[in-house]
N, C-alpha and C. Protein backbone atom coordinates (compact mmCIF):
# COMPACT_ATOMS: atom_id res chain seq x y z
N MET A 1 188.76 177.86 102.65
CA MET A 1 188.47 178.94 101.75
C MET A 1 188.61 178.45 100.33
N ALA A 2 187.77 178.96 99.52
CA ALA A 2 187.80 178.59 98.12
C ALA A 2 188.88 179.39 97.41
N GLY A 3 189.31 178.87 96.28
CA GLY A 3 190.30 179.58 95.49
C GLY A 3 191.72 179.13 95.77
N GLY A 4 191.91 178.06 96.50
CA GLY A 4 193.24 177.47 96.70
C GLY A 4 194.11 178.24 97.66
N ALA A 5 193.58 178.67 98.74
CA ALA A 5 194.40 179.38 99.73
C ALA A 5 195.38 178.40 100.35
N GLN A 6 196.60 178.86 100.63
CA GLN A 6 197.64 178.00 101.16
C GLN A 6 197.66 178.08 102.68
N ASP A 7 197.99 176.96 103.27
CA ASP A 7 198.10 176.90 104.72
C ASP A 7 199.54 177.23 105.08
N THR A 8 199.76 178.25 105.86
CA THR A 8 201.10 178.70 106.19
C THR A 8 201.76 177.86 107.26
N GLU A 9 201.05 176.96 107.90
CA GLU A 9 201.64 176.14 108.94
C GLU A 9 202.60 175.10 108.36
N ASP A 10 202.43 174.65 107.10
CA ASP A 10 203.28 173.63 106.49
C ASP A 10 204.40 174.22 105.61
N ALA A 11 204.64 175.51 105.69
CA ALA A 11 205.65 176.14 104.84
C ALA A 11 207.06 175.75 105.30
N ILE A 12 207.98 175.64 104.35
CA ILE A 12 209.38 175.32 104.66
C ILE A 12 210.05 176.60 105.10
N VAL A 13 210.58 176.60 106.31
CA VAL A 13 211.18 177.81 106.84
C VAL A 13 212.70 177.73 106.87
N GLY A 14 213.30 176.58 106.62
CA GLY A 14 214.75 176.43 106.62
C GLY A 14 215.25 175.96 105.27
N ILE A 15 216.53 176.19 105.01
CA ILE A 15 217.14 175.78 103.75
C ILE A 15 218.00 174.56 104.04
N ASN A 16 217.85 173.52 103.24
CA ASN A 16 218.64 172.32 103.38
C ASN A 16 219.96 172.53 102.64
N VAL A 17 221.06 172.67 103.38
CA VAL A 17 222.36 172.97 102.76
C VAL A 17 223.18 171.72 102.49
N THR A 18 222.70 170.56 102.84
CA THR A 18 223.46 169.33 102.65
C THR A 18 223.81 169.09 101.18
N PRO A 19 222.88 169.21 100.23
CA PRO A 19 223.28 169.02 98.82
C PRO A 19 224.30 170.06 98.35
N LEU A 20 224.18 171.30 98.84
CA LEU A 20 225.13 172.34 98.47
C LEU A 20 226.53 171.99 98.98
N VAL A 21 226.64 171.52 100.20
CA VAL A 21 227.93 171.14 100.77
C VAL A 21 228.51 169.96 100.00
N ASP A 22 227.70 169.00 99.62
CA ASP A 22 228.18 167.85 98.84
C ASP A 22 228.77 168.30 97.51
N ILE A 23 228.07 169.19 96.83
CA ILE A 23 228.54 169.66 95.52
C ILE A 23 229.84 170.45 95.67
N VAL A 24 229.92 171.30 96.67
CA VAL A 24 231.13 172.11 96.89
C VAL A 24 232.32 171.21 97.21
N LEU A 25 232.13 170.18 98.00
CA LEU A 25 233.23 169.27 98.31
C LEU A 25 233.70 168.49 97.09
N VAL A 26 232.79 168.07 96.24
CA VAL A 26 233.17 167.36 95.01
C VAL A 26 233.96 168.30 94.09
N ILE A 27 233.52 169.53 93.95
CA ILE A 27 234.24 170.50 93.12
C ILE A 27 235.62 170.79 93.71
N LEU A 28 235.72 170.89 95.03
CA LEU A 28 237.00 171.12 95.68
C LEU A 28 237.98 169.98 95.41
N ILE A 29 237.50 168.76 95.48
CA ILE A 29 238.36 167.60 95.20
C ILE A 29 238.82 167.61 93.74
N ILE A 30 237.93 167.95 92.82
CA ILE A 30 238.30 168.02 91.40
C ILE A 30 239.38 169.07 91.19
N PHE A 31 239.23 170.25 91.80
CA PHE A 31 240.23 171.29 91.67
C PHE A 31 241.57 170.86 92.27
N MET A 32 241.54 170.17 93.40
CA MET A 32 242.79 169.74 94.03
C MET A 32 243.53 168.74 93.15
N VAL A 33 242.81 167.85 92.50
CA VAL A 33 243.45 166.85 91.64
C VAL A 33 243.99 167.48 90.37
N THR A 34 243.20 168.35 89.73
CA THR A 34 243.64 168.95 88.47
C THR A 34 244.73 169.99 88.68
N THR A 35 244.77 170.66 89.82
CA THR A 35 245.81 171.65 90.08
C THR A 35 247.18 171.00 90.12
N LYS A 36 247.28 169.83 90.66
CA LYS A 36 248.57 169.12 90.71
C LYS A 36 249.08 168.84 89.29
N MET A 37 248.19 168.53 88.37
CA MET A 37 248.62 168.27 86.99
C MET A 37 248.96 169.56 86.27
N ILE A 38 248.25 170.64 86.57
CA ILE A 38 248.51 171.91 85.89
C ILE A 38 249.83 172.51 86.37
N VAL A 39 250.12 172.45 87.66
CA VAL A 39 251.32 173.05 88.21
C VAL A 39 252.57 172.33 87.75
N SER A 40 252.52 171.01 87.63
CA SER A 40 253.71 170.27 87.21
C SER A 40 254.00 170.57 85.74
N LYS A 41 255.29 170.53 85.39
CA LYS A 41 255.71 170.85 84.03
C LYS A 41 255.20 169.84 83.02
N SER A 42 255.09 168.61 83.42
CA SER A 42 254.60 167.58 82.52
C SER A 42 253.86 166.52 83.32
N VAL A 43 253.09 165.76 82.60
CA VAL A 43 252.36 164.67 83.23
C VAL A 43 253.35 163.53 83.47
N PRO A 44 253.43 163.02 84.70
CA PRO A 44 254.38 161.94 84.95
C PRO A 44 253.95 160.66 84.23
N LEU A 45 254.83 160.18 83.38
CA LEU A 45 254.55 158.98 82.60
C LEU A 45 255.69 157.99 82.76
N ASP A 46 255.35 156.74 82.71
CA ASP A 46 256.36 155.69 82.69
C ASP A 46 256.38 155.16 81.26
N LEU A 47 257.24 155.77 80.44
CA LEU A 47 257.28 155.44 79.02
C LEU A 47 257.98 154.11 78.79
N PRO A 48 257.51 153.37 77.79
CA PRO A 48 258.18 152.10 77.48
C PRO A 48 259.55 152.35 76.87
N LYS A 49 260.43 151.40 77.03
CA LYS A 49 261.79 151.50 76.51
C LYS A 49 261.87 150.82 75.14
N ALA A 50 262.71 151.38 74.25
CA ALA A 50 262.91 150.80 72.92
C ALA A 50 264.36 151.02 72.51
N ALA A 51 264.92 150.05 71.84
CA ALA A 51 266.31 150.15 71.40
C ALA A 51 266.47 151.17 70.28
N SER A 52 265.45 151.35 69.46
CA SER A 52 265.57 152.25 68.32
C SER A 52 264.99 153.64 68.60
N GLY A 53 264.47 153.88 69.79
CA GLY A 53 263.86 155.17 70.10
C GLY A 53 264.91 156.25 70.32
N SER A 54 264.52 157.49 70.07
CA SER A 54 265.43 158.59 70.31
C SER A 54 264.64 159.78 70.84
N ASP A 55 265.32 160.60 71.62
CA ASP A 55 264.70 161.78 72.20
C ASP A 55 265.47 163.02 71.76
N ILE A 56 266.04 162.97 70.57
CA ILE A 56 266.88 164.05 70.08
C ILE A 56 266.02 165.03 69.30
N GLN A 57 266.17 166.32 69.63
CA GLN A 57 265.48 167.36 68.89
C GLN A 57 266.52 168.16 68.13
N THR A 58 266.21 168.46 66.89
CA THR A 58 267.12 169.25 66.09
C THR A 58 266.84 170.72 66.35
N VAL A 59 267.88 171.45 66.77
CA VAL A 59 267.74 172.86 67.09
C VAL A 59 268.59 173.66 66.11
N PHE A 60 267.98 174.65 65.50
CA PHE A 60 268.64 175.56 64.57
C PHE A 60 268.93 176.84 65.36
N SER A 61 270.19 177.04 65.74
CA SER A 61 270.55 178.14 66.62
C SER A 61 271.05 179.34 65.83
N ILE A 62 270.48 180.51 66.14
CA ILE A 62 270.89 181.76 65.50
C ILE A 62 271.32 182.72 66.61
N VAL A 63 272.52 183.26 66.48
CA VAL A 63 273.03 184.22 67.46
C VAL A 63 273.26 185.53 66.74
N LEU A 64 272.62 186.59 67.23
CA LEU A 64 272.77 187.94 66.68
C LEU A 64 273.58 188.76 67.67
N LEU A 65 274.79 189.14 67.26
CA LEU A 65 275.68 189.89 68.14
C LEU A 65 275.51 191.39 67.93
N ALA A 66 275.90 192.16 68.94
CA ALA A 66 275.73 193.61 68.89
C ALA A 66 276.60 194.27 67.83
N ASP A 67 277.73 193.64 67.48
CA ASP A 67 278.61 194.24 66.47
C ASP A 67 278.15 193.98 65.04
N GLY A 68 277.00 193.33 64.87
CA GLY A 68 276.44 193.10 63.54
C GLY A 68 276.71 191.73 62.97
N THR A 69 277.53 190.92 63.62
CA THR A 69 277.81 189.59 63.11
C THR A 69 276.69 188.63 63.47
N THR A 70 276.57 187.61 62.65
CA THR A 70 275.52 186.61 62.82
C THR A 70 276.16 185.23 62.80
N GLN A 71 275.73 184.38 63.72
CA GLN A 71 276.20 183.00 63.77
C GLN A 71 274.99 182.07 63.65
N VAL A 72 275.17 181.04 62.82
CA VAL A 72 274.15 180.00 62.67
C VAL A 72 274.81 178.69 63.05
N ASP A 73 274.27 178.04 64.06
CA ASP A 73 274.83 176.79 64.57
C ASP A 73 276.33 176.92 64.84
N SER A 74 276.70 177.99 65.51
CA SER A 74 278.08 178.30 65.94
C SER A 74 279.03 178.61 64.80
N ARG A 75 278.52 178.82 63.59
CA ARG A 75 279.37 179.22 62.46
C ARG A 75 278.95 180.60 62.00
N GLN A 76 279.93 181.45 61.75
CA GLN A 76 279.63 182.81 61.33
C GLN A 76 279.17 182.83 59.87
N VAL A 77 278.14 183.61 59.59
CA VAL A 77 277.62 183.77 58.22
C VAL A 77 277.85 185.23 57.82
N PRO A 78 277.91 185.50 56.51
CA PRO A 78 278.24 186.85 56.06
C PRO A 78 277.24 187.93 56.49
N ASN A 79 275.94 187.60 56.46
CA ASN A 79 274.93 188.58 56.86
C ASN A 79 273.65 187.84 57.27
N ASP A 80 272.65 188.59 57.67
CA ASP A 80 271.40 187.99 58.14
C ASP A 80 270.66 187.27 57.02
N ASP A 81 270.78 187.75 55.79
CA ASP A 81 270.05 187.13 54.67
C ASP A 81 270.56 185.72 54.35
N ALA A 82 271.76 185.38 54.82
CA ALA A 82 272.29 184.03 54.61
C ALA A 82 271.58 183.00 55.48
N ILE A 83 270.76 183.45 56.40
CA ILE A 83 270.03 182.52 57.28
C ILE A 83 268.96 181.77 56.51
N ALA A 84 268.29 182.43 55.57
CA ALA A 84 267.15 181.83 54.87
C ALA A 84 267.50 180.52 54.17
N PRO A 85 268.54 180.44 53.33
CA PRO A 85 268.82 179.16 52.68
C PRO A 85 269.27 178.07 53.65
N LEU A 86 269.99 178.47 54.71
CA LEU A 86 270.40 177.49 55.71
C LEU A 86 269.20 176.94 56.48
N ALA A 87 268.27 177.82 56.81
CA ALA A 87 267.06 177.39 57.52
C ALA A 87 266.19 176.51 56.63
N LYS A 88 266.09 176.85 55.37
CA LYS A 88 265.30 176.04 54.44
C LYS A 88 265.89 174.64 54.29
N ALA A 89 267.23 174.56 54.17
CA ALA A 89 267.89 173.26 54.04
C ALA A 89 267.71 172.43 55.31
N ALA A 90 267.82 173.07 56.47
CA ALA A 90 267.65 172.35 57.73
C ALA A 90 266.20 171.91 57.90
N HIS A 91 265.26 172.73 57.45
CA HIS A 91 263.84 172.35 57.55
C HIS A 91 263.50 171.22 56.60
N ASP A 92 264.15 171.18 55.44
CA ASP A 92 263.92 170.09 54.49
C ASP A 92 264.41 168.76 55.07
N LYS A 93 265.48 168.79 55.86
CA LYS A 93 265.99 167.58 56.49
C LYS A 93 265.11 167.12 57.64
N ASN A 94 264.55 168.09 58.38
CA ASN A 94 263.75 167.77 59.55
C ASN A 94 262.56 168.72 59.63
N ALA A 95 261.36 168.19 59.41
CA ALA A 95 260.16 169.02 59.42
C ALA A 95 259.82 169.54 60.82
N GLU A 96 260.33 168.88 61.86
CA GLU A 96 260.09 169.30 63.25
C GLU A 96 261.22 170.18 63.77
N LEU A 97 261.86 170.92 62.89
CA LEU A 97 262.99 171.76 63.26
C LEU A 97 262.55 172.85 64.23
N ARG A 98 263.36 173.08 65.26
CA ARG A 98 263.11 174.13 66.23
C ARG A 98 264.23 175.16 66.09
N ALA A 99 263.85 176.41 65.94
CA ALA A 99 264.83 177.49 65.82
C ALA A 99 264.86 178.29 67.11
N VAL A 100 266.07 178.66 67.53
CA VAL A 100 266.25 179.49 68.72
C VAL A 100 267.05 180.72 68.31
N ILE A 101 266.47 181.88 68.54
CA ILE A 101 267.13 183.15 68.23
C ILE A 101 267.67 183.72 69.54
N LYS A 102 268.99 183.92 69.58
CA LYS A 102 269.63 184.54 70.74
C LYS A 102 270.21 185.86 70.28
N ALA A 103 269.62 186.96 70.75
CA ALA A 103 270.06 188.29 70.32
C ALA A 103 270.60 189.06 71.52
N ASP A 104 271.70 189.77 71.28
CA ASP A 104 272.26 190.64 72.30
C ASP A 104 271.24 191.74 72.61
N THR A 105 271.29 192.28 73.82
CA THR A 105 270.32 193.32 74.19
C THR A 105 270.49 194.59 73.36
N ALA A 106 271.66 194.80 72.77
CA ALA A 106 271.90 195.99 71.96
C ALA A 106 271.46 195.81 70.51
N VAL A 107 271.05 194.61 70.11
CA VAL A 107 270.59 194.38 68.74
C VAL A 107 269.23 195.06 68.57
N THR A 108 269.05 195.70 67.42
CA THR A 108 267.81 196.44 67.19
C THR A 108 266.63 195.48 66.99
N HIS A 109 265.48 195.97 67.34
CA HIS A 109 264.25 195.20 67.22
C HIS A 109 263.99 194.83 65.75
N GLY A 110 264.28 195.75 64.84
CA GLY A 110 264.06 195.50 63.42
C GLY A 110 264.89 194.34 62.89
N ARG A 111 266.10 194.21 63.38
CA ARG A 111 266.96 193.11 62.94
C ARG A 111 266.41 191.76 63.42
N VAL A 112 265.95 191.72 64.65
CA VAL A 112 265.38 190.48 65.18
C VAL A 112 264.11 190.10 64.39
N ILE A 113 263.28 191.07 64.09
CA ILE A 113 262.06 190.80 63.32
C ILE A 113 262.41 190.33 61.91
N HIS A 114 263.47 190.89 61.32
CA HIS A 114 263.91 190.47 59.99
C HIS A 114 264.33 189.00 60.00
N VAL A 115 265.08 188.60 61.02
CA VAL A 115 265.50 187.19 61.14
C VAL A 115 264.29 186.30 61.38
N LEU A 116 263.36 186.76 62.19
CA LEU A 116 262.13 186.01 62.43
C LEU A 116 261.35 185.82 61.13
N ASP A 117 261.30 186.86 60.31
CA ASP A 117 260.62 186.77 59.02
C ASP A 117 261.33 185.81 58.08
N LEU A 118 262.65 185.80 58.10
CA LEU A 118 263.41 184.86 57.26
C LEU A 118 263.10 183.41 57.65
N LEU A 119 263.00 183.16 58.95
CA LEU A 119 262.67 181.80 59.41
C LEU A 119 261.26 181.41 59.00
N LYS A 120 260.33 182.33 59.08
CA LYS A 120 258.95 182.04 58.67
C LYS A 120 258.89 181.74 57.17
N GLN A 121 259.68 182.47 56.36
CA GLN A 121 259.72 182.22 54.92
C GLN A 121 260.31 180.86 54.62
N ALA A 122 261.19 180.37 55.48
CA ALA A 122 261.80 179.04 55.30
C ALA A 122 260.90 177.94 55.86
N GLN A 123 259.68 178.28 56.24
CA GLN A 123 258.67 177.34 56.76
C GLN A 123 259.00 176.78 58.14
N VAL A 124 259.88 177.45 58.89
CA VAL A 124 260.19 177.03 60.26
C VAL A 124 259.10 177.60 61.15
N ALA A 125 258.32 176.72 61.78
CA ALA A 125 257.18 177.17 62.56
C ALA A 125 257.46 177.23 64.05
N LYS A 126 258.42 176.44 64.52
CA LYS A 126 258.71 176.39 65.95
C LYS A 126 259.92 177.26 66.25
N ILE A 127 259.66 178.46 66.76
CA ILE A 127 260.72 179.44 66.98
C ILE A 127 260.67 179.88 68.44
N ALA A 128 261.83 179.95 69.06
CA ALA A 128 261.92 180.41 70.45
C ALA A 128 263.01 181.47 70.54
N PHE A 129 262.99 182.23 71.62
CA PHE A 129 263.99 183.24 71.87
C PHE A 129 264.80 182.84 73.09
N GLY A 130 266.12 182.87 72.97
CA GLY A 130 267.00 182.52 74.08
C GLY A 130 267.15 183.69 75.02
N VAL A 131 267.00 183.44 76.31
CA VAL A 131 267.17 184.47 77.33
C VAL A 131 268.04 183.92 78.45
N SER A 132 268.57 184.81 79.25
CA SER A 132 269.32 184.43 80.44
C SER A 132 268.44 184.71 81.65
N PRO A 133 268.38 183.79 82.60
CA PRO A 133 267.55 184.06 83.78
C PRO A 133 268.17 185.16 84.62
N ILE A 134 267.31 185.94 85.27
CA ILE A 134 267.81 187.00 86.14
C ILE A 134 267.83 186.49 87.58
N ALA A 135 268.73 187.02 88.34
CA ALA A 135 268.84 186.64 89.75
C ALA A 135 267.69 187.25 90.53
N PRO A 136 267.23 186.58 91.57
CA PRO A 136 266.15 187.15 92.38
C PRO A 136 266.58 188.48 92.99
N GLY A 137 265.70 189.43 92.98
CA GLY A 137 265.99 190.74 93.57
C GLY A 137 266.58 191.74 92.61
N THR A 138 266.77 191.35 91.34
CA THR A 138 267.29 192.29 90.36
C THR A 138 266.18 192.70 89.43
N THR A 139 266.38 193.79 88.76
CA THR A 139 265.39 194.32 87.84
C THR A 139 265.82 194.04 86.41
N PRO A 140 264.92 193.49 85.55
CA PRO A 140 265.29 193.24 84.16
C PRO A 140 265.66 194.55 83.46
N GLY A 141 266.66 194.48 82.60
CA GLY A 141 267.06 195.65 81.83
C GLY A 141 268.11 196.51 82.51
N THR A 142 268.53 196.13 83.74
CA THR A 142 269.54 196.91 84.43
C THR A 142 270.90 196.24 84.41
N GLY A 143 271.03 195.19 83.60
CA GLY A 143 272.30 194.49 83.51
C GLY A 143 272.61 193.66 84.74
N GLY A 144 271.57 193.27 85.47
CA GLY A 144 271.76 192.44 86.65
C GLY A 144 271.96 193.24 87.92
N ALA A 145 272.06 194.55 87.82
CA ALA A 145 272.27 195.38 89.01
C ALA A 145 270.92 195.81 89.58
N THR A 146 270.88 195.91 90.87
CA THR A 146 269.67 196.42 91.52
C THR A 146 269.73 197.93 91.48
N PRO A 147 268.67 198.58 90.99
CA PRO A 147 268.72 200.05 90.89
C PRO A 147 268.75 200.70 92.26
N ALA A 148 269.39 201.87 92.29
CA ALA A 148 269.47 202.62 93.55
C ALA A 148 268.09 203.15 93.90
N PRO A 149 267.76 203.19 95.18
CA PRO A 149 266.44 203.71 95.56
C PRO A 149 266.32 205.18 95.23
N ALA A 150 265.11 205.59 94.86
CA ALA A 150 264.86 206.99 94.52
C ALA A 150 264.87 207.83 95.78
N LYS A 151 265.37 209.04 95.67
CA LYS A 151 265.44 209.94 96.83
C LYS A 151 264.24 210.84 96.88
């Protein structure tokens, strides 16, 4: 027949899944390899040894107690505003200074934010909050006790 009619006897009636299976297996292997690196806390390295090397990090510790007192590096300071000059001096000594804020659960949110703002003004960029881990089976905010079931 004229006009380019197609012969249906030579039509492909099945799908070749071999390339699809190959691609899926390669992707599965890639995921298996990368998942091991993602799950681990760090990439395992065999670092070279050096006599002058050090692994010491300077930590600027701030403790905010419920009674209103403030401690910086285990020394009591008169008030929260005294943190700024101490943080600035510590940051001037070490640009990689890490600050850790440990606040009692009864300390107000505003006070913690004020201390956080003081650290930011002192150019301290690496700030963390100290927490205590909870035991399995307990609910956060209940003081470690498991709440009674509702009736």
